[in-house]
N, C-alpha and C. Protein backbone atom coordinates (compact mmCIF):
# COMPACT_ATOMS: atom_id res chain seq x y z
N MET A 1 11.59 8.54 10.49
CA MET A 1 10.66 8.46 9.53
C MET A 1 11.08 6.69 8.75
N VAL A 2 10.04 6.06 8.93
CA VAL A 2 10.21 4.44 8.56
C VAL A 2 8.73 4.30 7.53
N GLY A 3 9.35 3.93 6.22
CA GLY A 3 8.46 3.61 5.11
C GLY A 3 8.41 2.22 4.86
N ILE A 4 8.43 1.92 3.51
CA ILE A 4 8.56 0.10 3.32
C ILE A 4 10.12 -0.24 3.34
N ASP A 5 10.72 -0.53 4.52
CA ASP A 5 11.94 -0.94 4.44
C ASP A 5 11.83 -2.45 4.30
N LYS A 6 12.95 -3.15 4.47
CA LYS A 6 13.04 -4.71 4.39
C LYS A 6 12.34 -5.25 5.42
N LYS A 7 12.42 -4.88 6.62
CA LYS A 7 11.67 -5.30 7.89
C LYS A 7 10.32 -5.25 7.56
N ASN A 8 9.60 -4.25 7.17
CA ASN A 8 8.32 -4.17 6.93
C ASN A 8 7.59 -4.41 5.56
N HIS A 9 8.51 -5.00 4.69
CA HIS A 9 8.06 -5.52 3.22
C HIS A 9 7.24 -6.83 3.60
N GLY A 10 7.26 -7.57 4.40
CA GLY A 10 6.73 -8.72 4.60
C GLY A 10 5.25 -8.51 4.87
N ARG A 11 5.29 -7.49 6.06
CA ARG A 11 3.99 -7.25 6.72
C ARG A 11 3.14 -6.31 5.66
N ILE A 12 3.97 -5.38 4.73
CA ILE A 12 3.11 -4.94 3.70
C ILE A 12 2.50 -5.68 2.74
N LYS A 13 3.19 -6.84 2.53
CA LYS A 13 2.66 -7.80 1.32
C LYS A 13 1.50 -8.69 1.95
N MET A 14 1.74 -8.93 3.08
CA MET A 14 0.25 -9.66 4.07
C MET A 14 -0.73 -8.70 3.98
N CYS A 15 -0.66 -7.35 4.26
CA CYS A 15 -1.37 -6.53 4.34
C CYS A 15 -2.24 -6.40 2.74
N PHE A 16 -1.27 -6.18 1.86
CA PHE A 16 -1.93 -6.43 0.69
C PHE A 16 -2.76 -7.68 0.24
N THR A 17 -2.29 -8.65 0.26
CA THR A 17 -3.03 -9.95 0.52
C THR A 17 -4.22 -9.92 1.14
N SER A 18 -4.23 -9.31 2.17
CA SER A 18 -5.58 -9.36 3.12
C SER A 18 -6.51 -8.23 2.49
N ILE A 19 -6.08 -7.44 2.08
CA ILE A 19 -7.18 -6.42 1.17
C ILE A 19 -7.41 -7.15 0.38
N LEU A 20 -7.03 -7.65 -0.92
CA LEU A 20 -7.45 -8.37 -2.20
C LEU A 20 -8.04 -9.64 -1.44
N GLU A 21 -8.27 -10.18 -0.40
CA GLU A 21 -9.37 -11.17 -0.02
C GLU A 21 -10.54 -10.57 1.06
N ARG A 22 -10.34 -9.14 0.81
CA ARG A 22 -11.31 -8.45 1.73
C ARG A 22 -11.30 -8.60 2.95
N ARG A 23 -10.40 -8.81 3.64
CA ARG A 23 -10.03 -9.24 5.06
C ARG A 23 -9.25 -7.82 5.68
N TYR A 24 -10.30 -6.82 5.78
CA TYR A 24 -9.72 -5.34 6.16
C TYR A 24 -9.33 -5.36 7.53
N SER A 25 -10.02 -5.98 8.33
CA SER A 25 -9.22 -5.68 10.03
C SER A 25 -8.03 -6.65 10.05
N ASP A 26 -7.86 -7.75 9.36
CA ASP A 26 -6.91 -8.26 9.36
C ASP A 26 -5.69 -7.03 8.80
N ALA A 27 -5.87 -6.54 7.47
CA ALA A 27 -5.19 -5.71 6.93
C ALA A 27 -4.77 -4.46 7.92
N ARG A 28 -5.49 -3.94 8.48
CA ARG A 28 -5.68 -2.99 9.45
C ARG A 28 -4.51 -3.32 10.72
N GLY A 29 -5.02 -4.55 11.34
CA GLY A 29 -4.29 -5.13 12.25
C GLY A 29 -2.67 -4.89 12.33
N LEU A 30 -2.13 -5.64 10.72
CA LEU A 30 -1.00 -5.46 10.10
C LEU A 30 0.04 -4.25 10.44
N ILE A 31 -0.80 -2.85 10.07
CA ILE A 31 -0.27 -1.54 10.16
C ILE A 31 -0.29 -0.97 11.64
N LYS A 32 -0.86 -1.61 12.64
CA LYS A 32 -0.81 -1.32 13.97
C LYS A 32 0.68 -1.23 14.62
N PRO A 33 1.06 -0.25 15.52
CA PRO A 33 2.38 -0.21 16.07
C PRO A 33 2.47 -1.65 16.80
N SER A 34 3.51 -2.19 16.52
CA SER A 34 3.89 -3.52 17.23
C SER A 34 5.00 -3.18 18.67
N ASP A 35 4.02 -3.55 19.75
CA ASP A 35 4.52 -3.25 20.80
C ASP A 35 6.02 -4.07 21.21
N GLY A 36 6.24 -5.22 20.63
CA GLY A 36 7.12 -6.12 21.08
C GLY A 36 8.05 -6.24 20.09
N CYS A 37 7.69 -5.60 19.04
CA CYS A 37 8.81 -5.69 17.84
C CYS A 37 9.20 -4.20 17.29
N GLN A 38 10.37 -3.92 18.29
CA GLN A 38 10.91 -2.40 18.03
C GLN A 38 11.57 -2.49 16.55
N GLY A 39 11.55 -1.37 15.80
CA GLY A 39 11.85 -1.24 14.50
C GLY A 39 10.92 -1.90 13.24
N LEU A 40 9.92 -2.24 13.69
CA LEU A 40 8.74 -2.68 13.02
C LEU A 40 7.67 -1.79 12.63
N ASP A 41 7.76 -0.61 13.20
CA ASP A 41 6.53 0.11 13.01
C ASP A 41 6.76 0.86 11.39
N ILE A 42 5.47 1.28 11.13
CA ILE A 42 5.24 1.84 9.90
C ILE A 42 5.01 3.25 9.75
N GLY A 43 5.56 3.65 9.02
CA GLY A 43 5.43 5.33 8.61
C GLY A 43 4.13 5.94 8.47
N PRO A 44 3.84 6.90 8.81
CA PRO A 44 2.40 7.56 8.79
C PRO A 44 1.99 7.43 6.99
N GLY A 45 2.72 7.82 6.19
CA GLY A 45 2.60 7.86 4.84
C GLY A 45 2.25 6.52 4.21
N VAL A 46 2.62 5.42 4.93
CA VAL A 46 2.49 4.10 4.52
C VAL A 46 0.79 3.86 5.33
N LYS A 47 1.03 4.28 6.57
CA LYS A 47 -0.53 3.87 7.03
C LYS A 47 -1.63 4.42 6.32
N PHE A 48 -1.54 5.80 5.99
CA PHE A 48 -2.29 6.58 5.20
C PHE A 48 -2.80 6.01 4.09
N ALA A 49 -1.92 5.72 3.00
CA ALA A 49 -2.05 4.63 2.11
C ALA A 49 -2.87 3.66 2.12
N ILE A 50 -2.46 2.87 3.04
CA ILE A 50 -3.16 1.30 3.19
C ILE A 50 -4.58 1.59 3.91
N GLU A 51 -4.80 2.61 4.49
CA GLU A 51 -6.04 2.93 5.04
C GLU A 51 -7.09 3.46 3.51
N GLY A 52 -6.18 4.63 2.76
CA GLY A 52 -6.90 4.72 1.56
C GLY A 52 -7.15 3.67 0.59
N ILE A 53 -6.24 2.64 0.50
CA ILE A 53 -6.34 1.54 -0.20
C ILE A 53 -7.70 0.59 0.13
N ILE A 54 -7.74 0.44 1.59
CA ILE A 54 -8.84 -0.53 1.95
C ILE A 54 -10.32 0.30 1.83
N ASN A 55 -10.23 1.60 2.06
CA ASN A 55 -11.68 2.30 1.72
C ASN A 55 -11.88 2.33 0.10
N PHE A 56 -10.71 2.47 -0.47
CA PHE A 56 -10.95 2.28 -1.91
C PHE A 56 -11.58 1.19 -2.65
N SER A 57 -10.79 -0.04 -2.08
CA SER A 57 -11.30 -1.46 -2.45
C SER A 57 -12.70 -1.77 -1.85
N LYS A 58 -13.09 -1.15 -0.88
CA LYS A 58 -14.06 -1.33 -0.32
C LYS A 58 -15.51 -0.64 -1.35
N GLU A 59 -15.25 0.56 -1.67
CA GLU A 59 -15.96 1.13 -2.40
C GLU A 59 -16.07 0.91 -4.11
N ASN A 60 -15.06 0.38 -4.60
CA ASN A 60 -14.68 0.33 -6.04
C ASN A 60 -13.98 -1.05 -6.34
N ASP A 61 -14.33 -1.23 -7.67
CA ASP A 61 -13.81 -2.76 -8.25
C ASP A 61 -12.50 -2.11 -8.50
N LEU A 62 -11.50 -3.09 -8.20
CA LEU A 62 -10.14 -3.02 -8.63
C LEU A 62 -9.86 -3.28 -9.90
N ASP A 63 -10.39 -2.61 -11.08
CA ASP A 63 -10.23 -2.60 -12.39
C ASP A 63 -8.82 -2.53 -12.83
N LEU A 64 -7.94 -3.51 -13.31
CA LEU A 64 -6.65 -3.37 -13.40
C LEU A 64 -6.26 -2.31 -14.59
N GLU A 65 -7.03 -1.94 -15.52
CA GLU A 65 -6.62 -1.11 -16.26
C GLU A 65 -6.54 0.27 -15.90
N LYS A 66 -7.89 0.41 -14.83
CA LYS A 66 -7.82 1.50 -14.22
C LYS A 66 -6.73 1.65 -13.11
N MET A 67 -6.71 1.02 -12.63
CA MET A 67 -5.44 1.15 -11.55
C MET A 67 -3.99 1.38 -12.13
N LYS A 68 -4.14 0.92 -13.37
CA LYS A 68 -2.48 1.17 -14.21
C LYS A 68 -2.56 2.63 -14.55
N LYS A 69 -3.68 3.21 -14.92
CA LYS A 69 -3.68 4.53 -14.96
C LYS A 69 -3.44 5.53 -13.81
N LEU A 70 -4.11 5.05 -12.81
CA LEU A 70 -3.89 5.72 -11.30
C LEU A 70 -2.43 5.60 -11.10
N ARG A 71 -1.65 4.27 -11.29
CA ARG A 71 -0.31 4.20 -10.97
C ARG A 71 0.37 5.06 -11.74
N LYS A 72 0.26 5.50 -13.26
CA LYS A 72 0.86 6.19 -13.94
C LYS A 72 0.83 7.72 -13.48
N LEU A 73 -0.28 8.06 -13.00
CA LEU A 73 -0.78 9.28 -12.29
C LEU A 73 -0.05 9.35 -10.97
N LEU A 74 0.39 8.73 -10.19
CA LEU A 74 0.79 8.38 -9.09
C LEU A 74 2.46 8.86 -8.98
N LYS A 75 2.88 7.93 -10.21
CA LYS A 75 4.22 7.94 -10.30
C LYS A 75 4.74 9.31 -10.80
N SER A 76 3.94 10.10 -11.41
CA SER A 76 4.07 11.73 -12.01
C SER A 76 3.97 12.24 -10.67
N ARG A 77 3.11 12.29 -9.93
CA ARG A 77 3.13 12.91 -8.64
C ARG A 77 4.65 12.59 -7.65
N LEU A 78 4.68 11.15 -7.75
CA LEU A 78 5.89 10.83 -6.67
C LEU A 78 7.43 11.69 -7.51
N SER A 79 7.36 12.07 -8.72
CA SER A 79 8.33 12.79 -9.11
C SER A 79 8.68 14.27 -8.76
N SER A 80 7.41 14.67 -8.14
CA SER A 80 7.41 16.23 -7.83
C SER A 80 8.44 16.50 -6.87
N THR A 81 9.10 17.76 -7.03
CA THR A 81 10.26 17.90 -5.99
C THR A 81 9.80 18.58 -4.56
N SER A 82 8.23 18.84 -4.58
CA SER A 82 7.57 19.67 -3.27
C SER A 82 7.23 18.32 -2.52
N ASN A 83 7.20 16.98 -2.71
CA ASN A 83 6.96 16.21 -1.97
C ASN A 83 7.78 15.90 -0.61
N ASP A 84 7.05 15.54 0.35
CA ASP A 84 8.11 15.27 1.95
C ASP A 84 7.76 13.83 1.95
N ASN A 85 8.46 13.19 2.86
CA ASN A 85 8.58 11.77 3.17
C ASN A 85 7.44 11.18 3.22
N PHE A 86 6.33 12.12 3.76
CA PHE A 86 4.94 11.35 3.72
C PHE A 86 4.29 11.07 2.61
N ASP A 87 4.52 12.25 1.85
CA ASP A 87 3.76 12.22 0.15
C ASP A 87 4.60 10.98 -0.51
N ARG A 88 5.90 11.10 -0.19
CA ARG A 88 6.76 9.68 -1.15
C ARG A 88 6.33 8.27 -0.74
N ASP A 89 6.37 8.21 0.70
CA ASP A 89 5.66 7.07 1.01
C ASP A 89 4.20 6.67 0.68
N TYR A 90 3.52 7.73 0.96
CA TYR A 90 2.01 7.59 0.29
C TYR A 90 2.13 6.78 -0.99
N PHE A 91 2.62 7.94 -1.95
CA PHE A 91 2.70 7.36 -3.42
C PHE A 91 3.41 5.95 -3.59
N LYS A 92 4.36 6.01 -2.99
CA LYS A 92 4.98 4.36 -3.24
C LYS A 92 4.14 3.59 -2.98
N THR A 93 3.27 3.63 -1.59
CA THR A 93 2.30 2.45 -1.24
C THR A 93 1.43 2.10 -2.23
N TRP A 94 0.77 3.08 -2.56
CA TRP A 94 -0.16 2.87 -3.86
C TRP A 94 0.34 2.00 -5.12
N ILE A 95 1.71 2.87 -5.27
CA ILE A 95 2.17 2.05 -6.32
C ILE A 95 2.59 0.65 -6.38
N LYS A 96 3.28 0.35 -5.26
CA LYS A 96 3.50 -1.01 -4.70
C LYS A 96 2.23 -1.82 -4.72
N PHE A 97 1.20 -1.35 -3.89
CA PHE A 97 -0.17 -2.09 -4.19
C PHE A 97 -0.74 -2.33 -5.69
N ILE A 98 -0.70 -1.54 -6.66
CA ILE A 98 -1.12 -1.66 -7.93
C ILE A 98 -0.01 -2.45 -8.51
N ASN A 99 1.17 -2.56 -8.40
CA ASN A 99 2.06 -3.33 -8.93
C ASN A 99 1.72 -4.89 -8.29
N PHE A 100 1.39 -4.88 -7.03
CA PHE A 100 1.14 -6.43 -6.25
C PHE A 100 -0.19 -6.87 -6.92
N LEU A 101 -1.18 -6.03 -7.38
CA LEU A 101 -2.38 -6.40 -7.74
C LEU A 101 -2.17 -6.94 -9.27
N GLN A 102 -1.50 -6.26 -9.76
CA GLN A 102 -1.06 -6.71 -11.29
C GLN A 102 -0.32 -7.97 -11.45
N ARG A 103 0.26 -8.32 -10.20
CA ARG A 103 1.21 -9.63 -10.31
C ARG A 103 0.14 -10.67 -9.82
N GLN A 104 -0.73 -10.53 -9.06
CA GLN A 104 -1.63 -11.29 -8.48
C GLN A 104 -2.51 -11.69 -9.65
N THR A 105 -3.01 -10.82 -10.41
CA THR A 105 -3.92 -10.77 -11.45
C THR A 105 -3.31 -11.76 -12.43
N ARG A 106 -2.14 -11.54 -12.75
CA ARG A 106 -1.53 -12.66 -13.73
C ARG A 106 -1.54 -13.87 -13.40
N SER A 107 -1.09 -14.06 -12.18
CA SER A 107 -0.98 -15.45 -11.52
C SER A 107 -2.19 -16.45 -11.45
N ASP A 108 -3.35 -15.29 -11.32
CA ASP A 108 -4.91 -16.01 -11.48
C ASP A 108 -5.32 -16.38 -12.51
N GLU A 109 -4.51 -15.89 -13.68
CA GLU A 109 -5.05 -16.33 -15.16
C GLU A 109 -4.78 -17.61 -15.67
């Protein structure tokens, strides 16, 4: 099970940047399995979260206040003892994206 480890962190950050720049095909390309780069595969929870983030951002404005509320909800879901690795990776990826969005919004001001 591979979530967002140190090896994947840079790819995920580039993926988040691509999403914010509306370069969705680039973002999807970053989460595809890497044939020549063993150990850099991303877990299914992360992949599903990124696909969800892409679909969400295509259809919705990424209003920071609404995203903060979503982050709060996701954090409460993350603390559930019934979560498996997929769930934890999924929720953590969304939370990391919202944190990234918040940092990017601050730096744009």
